[in-house]
Amino acid sequence: MREIIFDTETTGLSPAGGDRMVEIGCVEMINRVETGRSFHAYFNPQRAMPSEAEAVHGLSSLFLSDKPDFAESVHDLLEFIGDSPLIAHNATFDFGFLNHELQRCSRDPICLSRMICTLVLARSRHPGAKHSLDALCTRFGVDRSHRVKHGALLDAQLLAQVYVELTGGRQIGLTLVGDAVETAAVSGSSASERPFRAARPHFPSDSERERHRRFIAAMANPLWERFLAPI
């Protein structure tokens, strides 16, 4: 199954209040494994960058001044995400900005049925714990030492690892294999060294047939006689 992990950076918290998306990063996963394909873009928000937002992601108005408008990159973005489920941390925030930008350039919004929120997953799995991306990276042993500031692509890459852990972990399916190897090591034998045993016949012997007849005969009006042919 193909899934897209994504993250956005913005000028603030409210698209309805005039805030814009300035960066998006997307990571492709197939069957919970990163494929190495990604999509990353910066956008000129056509407005000044508030100092509070710049302190979070480090993207200044000067840096973004020569970047394209969202509408110039929307085709490539939509082609990359396709019709796959979209996973984000606090996904309603990211979906809100993404759909706001899509509507600004007369594109259809992405249906919320495609949304998977890792914040909701984390709260369900670890109620009462801290659920920030940093906290989840620490919990699951995901290296975030290079995360000095928020960055959409970097955060999507970190979230992809967290998402795998939230949905079962990378060791799924390995436990039984490990147990089998350990058992073989303890017993000191391998499959090739074990003696061959022929399969047991699956038909009753004459003595088994006779015991069965006596067993049925001792029953009062047994149902087996109604529905089964005599042995």
C-alpha atoms as a PDB file:
ATOM      1  CA  MET A   1       0.000   0.000   0.000  1.00  0.00           C
ATOM      2  CA  ARG A   2       1.304   3.428  -0.958  1.00  0.00           C
ATOM      3  CA  GLU A   3       1.165   6.190   1.653  1.00  0.00           C
ATOM      4  CA  ILE A   4       2.504   9.742   1.759  1.00  0.00           C
ATOM      5  CA  ILE A   5       3.943  11.250   4.935  1.00  0.00           C
ATOM      6  CA  PHE A   6       3.963  15.029   4.756  1.00  0.00           C
ATOM      7  CA  ASP A   7       4.584  18.166   6.761  1.00  0.00           C
ATOM      8  CA  THR A   8       4.141  21.886   6.133  1.00  0.00           C
ATOM      9  CA  GLU A   9       5.659  25.118   7.388  1.00  0.00           C
ATOM     10  CA  THR A  10       3.565  28.288   7.407  1.00  0.00           C
ATOM     11  CA  THR A  11       3.554  31.986   8.267  1.00  0.00           C
ATOM     12  CA  GLY A  12       1.250  31.352  11.226  1.00  0.00           C
ATOM     13  CA  LEU A  13      -1.631  29.328  12.567  1.00  0.00           C
ATOM     14  CA  SER A  14      -4.691  30.507  10.617  1.00  0.00           C
ATOM     15  CA  PRO A  15      -5.168  30.219   6.854  1.00  0.00           C
ATOM     16  CA  ALA A  16      -8.531  31.937   7.246  1.00  0.00           C
ATOM     17  CA  GLY A  17      -6.714  34.844   8.888  1.00  0.00           C
ATOM     18  CA  GLY A  18      -4.341  35.288   5.954  1.00  0.00           C
ATOM     19  CA  ASP A  19      -1.512  32.908   6.852  1.00  0.00           C
ATOM     20  CA  ARG A  20       0.091  30.976   4.005  1.00  0.00           C
ATOM     21  CA  MET A  21       2.007  27.780   3.471  1.00  0.00           C
ATOM     22  CA  VAL A  22       5.698  28.411   2.766  1.00  0.00           C
ATOM     23  CA  GLU A  23       7.107  24.873   2.604  1.00  0.00           C
ATOM     24  CA  ILE A  24       5.913  21.322   2.088  1.00  0.00           C
ATOM     25  CA  GLY A  25       7.817  18.057   2.323  1.00  0.00           C
ATOM     26  CA  CYS A  26       6.425  14.661   1.295  1.00  0.00           C
ATOM     27  CA  VAL A  27       7.915  11.175   1.704  1.00  0.00           C
ATOM     28  CA  GLU A  28       6.654   8.117  -0.167  1.00  0.00           C
ATOM     29  CA  MET A  29       6.188   4.832   1.677  1.00  0.00           C
ATOM     30  CA  ILE A  30       5.038   1.504   0.271  1.00  0.00           C
ATOM     31  CA  ASN A  31       4.005  -1.151   2.775  1.00  0.00           C
ATOM     32  CA  ARG A  32       5.448   1.002   5.579  1.00  0.00           C
ATOM     33  CA  VAL A  33       8.885   1.153   3.918  1.00  0.00           C
ATOM     34  CA  GLU A  34      10.376   4.407   2.589  1.00  0.00           C
ATOM     35  CA  THR A  35      11.066   4.166  -1.129  1.00  0.00           C
ATOM     36  CA  GLY A  36      13.516   7.072  -1.302  1.00  0.00           C
ATOM     37  CA  ARG A  37      11.113   9.184  -3.383  1.00  0.00           C
ATOM     38  CA  SER A  38      10.143  12.562  -1.975  1.00  0.00           C
ATOM     39  CA  PHE A  39       8.695  15.920  -2.933  1.00  0.00           C
ATOM     40  CA  HIS A  40       9.927  19.207  -1.448  1.00  0.00           C
ATOM     41  CA  ALA A  41       9.144  22.811  -2.298  1.00  0.00           C
ATOM     42  CA  TYR A  42       9.288  26.325  -0.857  1.00  0.00           C
ATOM     43  CA  PHE A  43       6.645  28.946  -1.703  1.00  0.00           C
ATOM     44  CA  ASN A  44       6.563  32.722  -1.720  1.00  0.00           C
ATOM     45  CA  PRO A  45       3.697  33.603   0.665  1.00  0.00           C
ATOM     46  CA  GLN A  46       3.189  37.053  -0.873  1.00  0.00           C
ATOM     47  CA  ARG A  47       3.297  38.555   2.619  1.00  0.00           C
ATOM     48  CA  ALA A  48       5.814  39.308   5.372  1.00  0.00           C
ATOM     49  CA  MET A  49       7.061  36.507   7.583  1.00  0.00           C
ATOM     50  CA  PRO A  50       6.190  37.105  11.274  1.00  0.00           C
ATOM     51  CA  SER A  51       9.203  36.885  13.570  1.00  0.00           C
ATOM     52  CA  GLU A  52       7.476  34.244  15.724  1.00  0.00           C
ATOM     53  CA  ALA A  53       7.079  31.909  12.744  1.00  0.00           C
ATOM     54  CA  GLU A  54      10.590  32.559  11.470  1.00  0.00           C
ATOM     55  CA  ALA A  55      11.951  31.600  14.888  1.00  0.00           C
ATOM     56  CA  VAL A  56      10.314  28.166  14.476  1.00  0.00           C
ATOM     57  CA  HIS A  57      11.395  27.228  10.942  1.00  0.00           C
ATOM     58  CA  GLY A  58      14.070  29.810  10.059  1.00  0.00           C
ATOM     59  CA  LEU A  59      12.470  30.804   6.739  1.00  0.00           C
ATOM     60  CA  SER A  60      12.778  34.556   6.228  1.00  0.00           C
ATOM     61  CA  SER A  61      10.914  36.839   3.844  1.00  0.00           C
ATOM     62  CA  LEU A  62      14.196  37.433   2.014  1.00  0.00           C
ATOM     63  CA  PHE A  63      14.824  33.703   1.539  1.00  0.00           C
ATOM     64  CA  LEU A  64      11.298  33.138   0.217  1.00  0.00           C
ATOM     65  CA  SER A  65      11.193  36.248  -1.988  1.00  0.00           C
ATOM     66  CA  ASP A  66      12.455  34.441  -5.119  1.00  0.00           C
ATOM     67  CA  LYS A  67      10.484  31.224  -4.555  1.00  0.00           C
ATOM     68  CA  PRO A  68       7.480  30.371  -6.747  1.00  0.00           C
ATOM     69  CA  ASP A  69       3.885  30.829  -5.723  1.00  0.00           C
ATOM     70  CA  PHE A  70       2.056  27.668  -4.633  1.00  0.00           C
ATOM     71  CA  ALA A  71       0.019  27.671  -7.843  1.00  0.00           C
ATOM     72  CA  GLU A  72       3.197  27.259  -9.905  1.00  0.00           C
ATOM     73  CA  SER A  73       4.068  23.967  -8.160  1.00  0.00           C
ATOM     74  CA  VAL A  74       0.613  22.555  -7.483  1.00  0.00           C
ATOM     75  CA  HIS A  75       0.593  20.243 -10.523  1.00  0.00           C
ATOM     76  CA  ASP A  76       3.839  18.525  -9.498  1.00  0.00           C
ATOM     77  CA  LEU A  77       2.644  18.225  -5.898  1.00  0.00           C
ATOM     78  CA  LEU A  78      -0.702  16.662  -6.825  1.00  0.00           C
ATOM     79  CA  GLU A  79       0.989  14.314  -9.271  1.00  0.00           C
ATOM     80  CA  PHE A  80       3.334  13.118  -6.510  1.00  0.00           C
ATOM     81  CA  ILE A  81       0.705  12.516  -3.829  1.00  0.00           C
ATOM     82  CA  GLY A  82      -1.767  10.946  -6.274  1.00  0.00           C
ATOM     83  CA  ASP A  83      -4.722   9.346  -4.522  1.00  0.00           C
ATOM     84  CA  SER A  84      -2.695   7.890  -1.642  1.00  0.00           C
ATOM     85  CA  PRO A  85      -3.567   8.315   2.045  1.00  0.00           C
ATOM     86  CA  LEU A  86      -1.810  11.349   3.569  1.00  0.00           C
ATOM     87  CA  ILE A  87      -0.234  11.082   7.013  1.00  0.00           C
ATOM     88  CA  ALA A  88       0.751  14.086   9.117  1.00  0.00           C
ATOM     89  CA  HIS A  89       1.287  14.990  12.762  1.00  0.00           C
ATOM     90  CA  ASN A  90      -1.646  17.109  13.942  1.00  0.00           C
ATOM     91  CA  ALA A  91      -2.990  16.477  10.459  1.00  0.00           C
ATOM     92  CA  THR A  92      -5.968  18.839  10.673  1.00  0.00           C
ATOM     93  CA  PHE A  93      -3.492  21.744  10.757  1.00  0.00           C
ATOM     94  CA  ASP A  94      -1.575  20.596   7.671  1.00  0.00           C
ATOM     95  CA  PHE A  95      -4.731  19.612   5.782  1.00  0.00           C
ATOM     96  CA  GLY A  96      -6.240  23.005   6.583  1.00  0.00           C
ATOM     97  CA  PHE A  97      -3.341  24.866   4.994  1.00  0.00           C
ATOM     98  CA  LEU A  98      -2.987  22.461   2.066  1.00  0.00           C
ATOM     99  CA  ASN A  99      -6.669  22.660   1.171  1.00  0.00           C
ATOM    100  CA  HIS A 100      -6.680  26.439   1.622  1.00  0.00           C
ATOM    101  CA  GLU A 101      -3.839  26.753  -0.894  1.00  0.00           C
ATOM    102  CA  LEU A 102      -5.595  24.377  -3.293  1.00  0.00           C
ATOM    103  CA  GLN A 103      -8.784  26.419  -3.142  1.00  0.00           C
ATOM    104  CA  ARG A 104      -6.841  29.641  -3.729  1.00  0.00           C
ATOM    105  CA  CYS A 105      -5.710  28.293  -7.098  1.00  0.00           C
ATOM    106  CA  SER A 106      -9.117  26.823  -7.983  1.00  0.00           C
ATOM    107  CA  ARG A 107      -8.187  23.215  -7.274  1.00  0.00           C
ATOM    108  CA  ASP A 108     -10.404  20.699  -5.525  1.00  0.00           C
ATOM    109  CA  PRO A 109      -9.601  20.198  -1.832  1.00  0.00           C
ATOM    110  CA  ILE A 110      -8.264  16.835  -0.682  1.00  0.00           C
ATOM    111  CA  CYS A 111     -10.951  14.717   0.966  1.00  0.00           C
ATOM    112  CA  LEU A 112     -10.467  14.373   4.707  1.00  0.00           C
ATOM    113  CA  SER A 113     -11.176  10.641   4.405  1.00  0.00           C
ATOM    114  CA  ARG A 114      -7.587  10.341   3.160  1.00  0.00           C
ATOM    115  CA  MET A 115      -6.211  11.909   6.352  1.00  0.00           C
ATOM    116  CA  ILE A 116      -4.291   9.874   8.934  1.00  0.00           C
ATOM    117  CA  CYS A 117      -3.150  11.771  12.020  1.00  0.00           C
ATOM    118  CA  THR A 118      -0.158  10.422  13.933  1.00  0.00           C
ATOM    119  CA  LEU A 119      -1.032  12.684  16.875  1.00  0.00           C
ATOM    120  CA  VAL A 120      -4.340  10.820  17.243  1.00  0.00           C
ATOM    121  CA  LEU A 121      -2.516   7.480  16.919  1.00  0.00           C
ATOM    122  CA  ALA A 122       0.033   8.509  19.563  1.00  0.00           C
ATOM    123  CA  ARG A 123      -2.639   9.672  22.023  1.00  0.00           C
ATOM    124  CA  SER A 124      -4.492   6.408  21.583  1.00  0.00           C
ATOM    125  CA  ARG A 125      -1.404   4.251  22.048  1.00  0.00           C
ATOM    126  CA  HIS A 126       0.258   6.274  24.831  1.00  0.00           C
ATOM    127  CA  PRO A 127      -2.428   8.224  26.706  1.00  0.00           C
ATOM    128  CA  GLY A 128      -1.072  10.801  29.123  1.00  0.00           C
ATOM    129  CA  ALA A 129       2.403  10.876  27.555  1.00  0.00           C
ATOM    130  CA  LYS A 130       3.997  13.684  25.549  1.00  0.00           C
ATOM    131  CA  HIS A 131       3.048  13.487  21.884  1.00  0.00           C
ATOM    132  CA  SER A 132       5.180  16.106  20.141  1.00  0.00           C
ATOM    133  CA  LEU A 133       7.329  14.883  17.250  1.00  0.00           C
ATOM    134  CA  ASP A 134      10.437  15.389  19.384  1.00  0.00           C
ATOM    135  CA  ALA A 135       8.931  13.368  22.245  1.00  0.00           C
ATOM    136  CA  LEU A 136       7.896  10.528  19.928  1.00  0.00           C
ATOM    137  CA  CYS A 137      11.346  10.427  18.324  1.00  0.00           C
ATOM    138  CA  THR A 138      12.836  10.072  21.803  1.00  0.00           C
ATOM    139  CA  ARG A 139      10.317   7.381  22.757  1.00  0.00           C
ATOM    140  CA  PHE A 140      11.014   5.258  19.682  1.00  0.00           C
ATOM    141  CA  GLY A 141      14.753   5.890  19.433  1.00  0.00           C
ATOM    142  CA  VAL A 142      14.561   7.913  16.200  1.00  0.00           C
ATOM    143  CA  ASP A 143      17.671  10.064  15.747  1.00  0.00           C
ATOM    144  CA  ARG A 144      16.658  13.737  15.615  1.00  0.00           C
ATOM    145  CA  SER A 145      20.056  15.233  16.466  1.00  0.00           C
ATOM    146  CA  HIS A 146      20.129  17.096  13.125  1.00  0.00           C
ATOM    147  CA  ARG A 147      16.768  18.762  13.763  1.00  0.00           C
ATOM    148  CA  VAL A 148      17.831  22.248  14.878  1.00  0.00           C
ATOM    149  CA  LYS A 149      14.711  23.966  13.514  1.00  0.00           C
ATOM    150  CA  HIS A 150      11.488  22.710  11.992  1.00  0.00           C
ATOM    151  CA  GLY A 151      11.781  21.768   8.326  1.00  0.00           C
ATOM    152  CA  ALA A 152       9.000  20.214   6.288  1.00  0.00           C
ATOM    153  CA  LEU A 153      11.020  17.500   4.518  1.00  0.00           C
ATOM    154  CA  LEU A 154      13.158  16.641   7.534  1.00  0.00           C
ATOM    155  CA  ASP A 155      10.106  16.457   9.785  1.00  0.00           C
ATOM    156  CA  ALA A 156       8.302  14.251   7.250  1.00  0.00           C
ATOM    157  CA  GLN A 157      11.302  11.897   7.189  1.00  0.00           C
ATOM    158  CA  LEU A 158      11.332  11.709  10.992  1.00  0.00           C
ATOM    159  CA  LEU A 159       7.582  11.238  11.096  1.00  0.00           C
ATOM    160  CA  ALA A 160       7.813   8.358   8.631  1.00  0.00           C
ATOM    161  CA  GLN A 161       9.964   6.464  11.143  1.00  0.00           C
ATOM    162  CA  VAL A 162       7.629   7.366  14.003  1.00  0.00           C
ATOM    163  CA  TYR A 163       4.598   6.258  11.966  1.00  0.00           C
ATOM    164  CA  VAL A 164       6.121   2.827  11.428  1.00  0.00           C
ATOM    165  CA  GLU A 165       6.597   2.447  15.190  1.00  0.00           C
ATOM    166  CA  LEU A 166       3.069   3.667  15.945  1.00  0.00           C
ATOM    167  CA  THR A 167       1.625   1.091  13.557  1.00  0.00           C
ATOM    168  CA  GLY A 168       3.525  -1.954  14.787  1.00  0.00           C
ATOM    169  CA  GLY A 169       7.226  -1.242  14.522  1.00  0.00           C
ATOM    170  CA  ARG A 170       9.960  -2.460  12.220  1.00  0.00           C
ATOM    171  CA  GLN A 171      10.260  -5.817  14.049  1.00  0.00           C
ATOM    172  CA  ILE A 172       6.829  -7.091  12.994  1.00  0.00           C
ATOM    173  CA  GLY A 173       7.108 -10.659  11.777  1.00  0.00           C
ATOM    174  CA  LEU A 174      10.648 -11.150  13.088  1.00  0.00           C
ATOM    175  CA  THR A 175       9.823 -12.528  16.549  1.00  0.00           C
ATOM    176  CA  LEU A 176       8.857 -16.000  15.421  1.00  0.00           C
ATOM    177  CA  VAL A 177      11.864 -16.215  13.136  1.00  0.00           C
ATOM    178  CA  GLY A 178      14.134 -15.211  16.000  1.00  0.00           C
ATOM    179  CA  ASP A 179      12.500 -17.749  18.321  1.00  0.00           C
ATOM    180  CA  ALA A 180      12.966 -20.495  15.765  1.00  0.00           C
ATOM    181  CA  VAL A 181      16.640 -19.659  15.331  1.00  0.00           C
ATOM    182  CA  GLU A 182      17.145 -19.580  19.097  1.00  0.00           C
ATOM    183  CA  THR A 183      15.374 -22.931  19.531  1.00  0.00           C
ATOM    184  CA  ALA A 184      17.555 -24.528  16.881  1.00  0.00           C
ATOM    185  CA  ALA A 185      20.670 -23.098  18.505  1.00  0.00           C
ATOM    186  CA  VAL A 186      19.686 -24.468  21.929  1.00  0.00           C
ATOM    187  CA  SER A 187      18.820 -27.910  20.593  1.00  0.00           C
ATOM    188  CA  GLY A 188      22.032 -28.001  18.568  1.00  0.00           C
ATOM    189  CA  SER A 189      20.250 -29.251  15.477  1.00  0.00           C
ATOM    190  CA  SER A 190      19.185 -27.848  12.157  1.00  0.00           C
ATOM    191  CA  ALA A 191      16.363 -28.830   9.837  1.00  0.00           C
ATOM    192  CA  SER A 192      18.742 -30.743   7.582  1.00  0.00           C
ATOM    193  CA  GLU A 193      20.011 -32.886  10.525  1.00  0.00           C
ATOM    194  CA  ARG A 194      16.591 -34.004  11.776  1.00  0.00           C
ATOM    195  CA  PRO A 195      15.522 -37.608  10.970  1.00  0.00           C
ATOM    196  CA  PHE A 196      12.974 -38.029   8.197  1.00  0.00           C
ATOM    197  CA  ARG A 197       9.508 -39.053   9.376  1.00  0.00           C
ATOM    198  CA  ALA A 198       6.978 -40.259   6.839  1.00  0.00           C
ATOM    199  CA  ALA A 199       3.548 -38.676   6.968  1.00  0.00           C
ATOM    200  CA  ARG A 200       0.960 -40.569   9.023  1.00  0.00           C
ATOM    201  CA  PRO A 201      -1.773 -42.200   6.892  1.00  0.00           C
ATOM    202  CA  HIS A 202      -5.015 -40.252   7.039  1.00  0.00           C
ATOM    203  CA  PHE A 203      -7.360 -43.220   6.678  1.00  0.00           C
ATOM    204  CA  PRO A 204      -8.753 -45.254   9.607  1.00  0.00           C
ATOM    205  CA  SER A 205      -7.484 -48.778  10.118  1.00  0.00           C
ATOM    206  CA  ASP A 206      -9.845 -51.774  10.358  1.00  0.00           C
ATOM    207  CA  SER A 207      -9.578 -51.777  14.150  1.00  0.00           C
ATOM    208  CA  GLU A 208     -10.382 -48.058  14.290  1.00  0.00           C
ATOM    209  CA  ARG A 209     -13.423 -48.630  12.067  1.00  0.00           C
ATOM    210  CA  GLU A 210     -14.656 -51.393  14.377  1.00  0.00           C
ATOM    211  CA  ARG A 211     -14.223 -49.275  17.515  1.00  0.00           C
ATOM    212  CA  HIS A 212     -16.158 -46.524  15.805  1.00  0.00           C
ATOM    213  CA  ARG A 213     -19.050 -48.894  14.990  1.00  0.00           C
ATOM    214  CA  ARG A 214     -19.234 -50.052  18.613  1.00  0.00           C
ATOM    215  CA  PHE A 215     -19.125 -46.444  19.820  1.00  0.00           C
ATOM    216  CA  ILE A 216     -22.044 -45.451  17.543  1.00  0.00           C
ATOM    217  CA  ALA A 217     -24.039 -48.543  18.455  1.00  0.00           C
ATOM    218  CA  ALA A 218     -23.958 -47.517  22.124  1.00  0.00           C
ATOM    219  CA  MET A 219     -25.693 -44.198  21.320  1.00  0.00           C
ATOM    220  CA  ALA A 220     -29.454 -43.664  21.311  1.00  0.00           C
ATOM    221  CA  ASN A 221     -30.538 -42.471  17.857  1.00  0.00           C
ATOM    222  CA  PRO A 222     -27.095 -41.049  16.893  1.00  0.00           C
ATOM    223  CA  LEU A 223     -27.145 -38.177  14.404  1.00  0.00           C
ATOM    224  CA  TRP A 224     -24.151 -39.574  12.580  1.00  0.00           C
ATOM    225  CA  GLU A 225     -26.287 -42.419  11.249  1.00  0.00           C
ATOM    226  CA  ARG A 226     -28.666 -39.908   9.672  1.00  0.00           C
ATOM    227  CA  PHE A 227     -26.162 -37.802   7.817  1.00  0.00           C
ATOM    228  CA  LEU A 228     -23.092 -39.957   7.257  1.00  0.00           C
ATOM    229  CA  ALA A 229     -22.646 -42.981   5.085  1.00  0.00           C
ATOM    230  CA  PRO A 230     -21.714 -46.177   6.952  1.00  0.00           C
ATOM    231  CA  ILE A 231     -18.010 -46.701   7.403  1.00  0.00           C
END
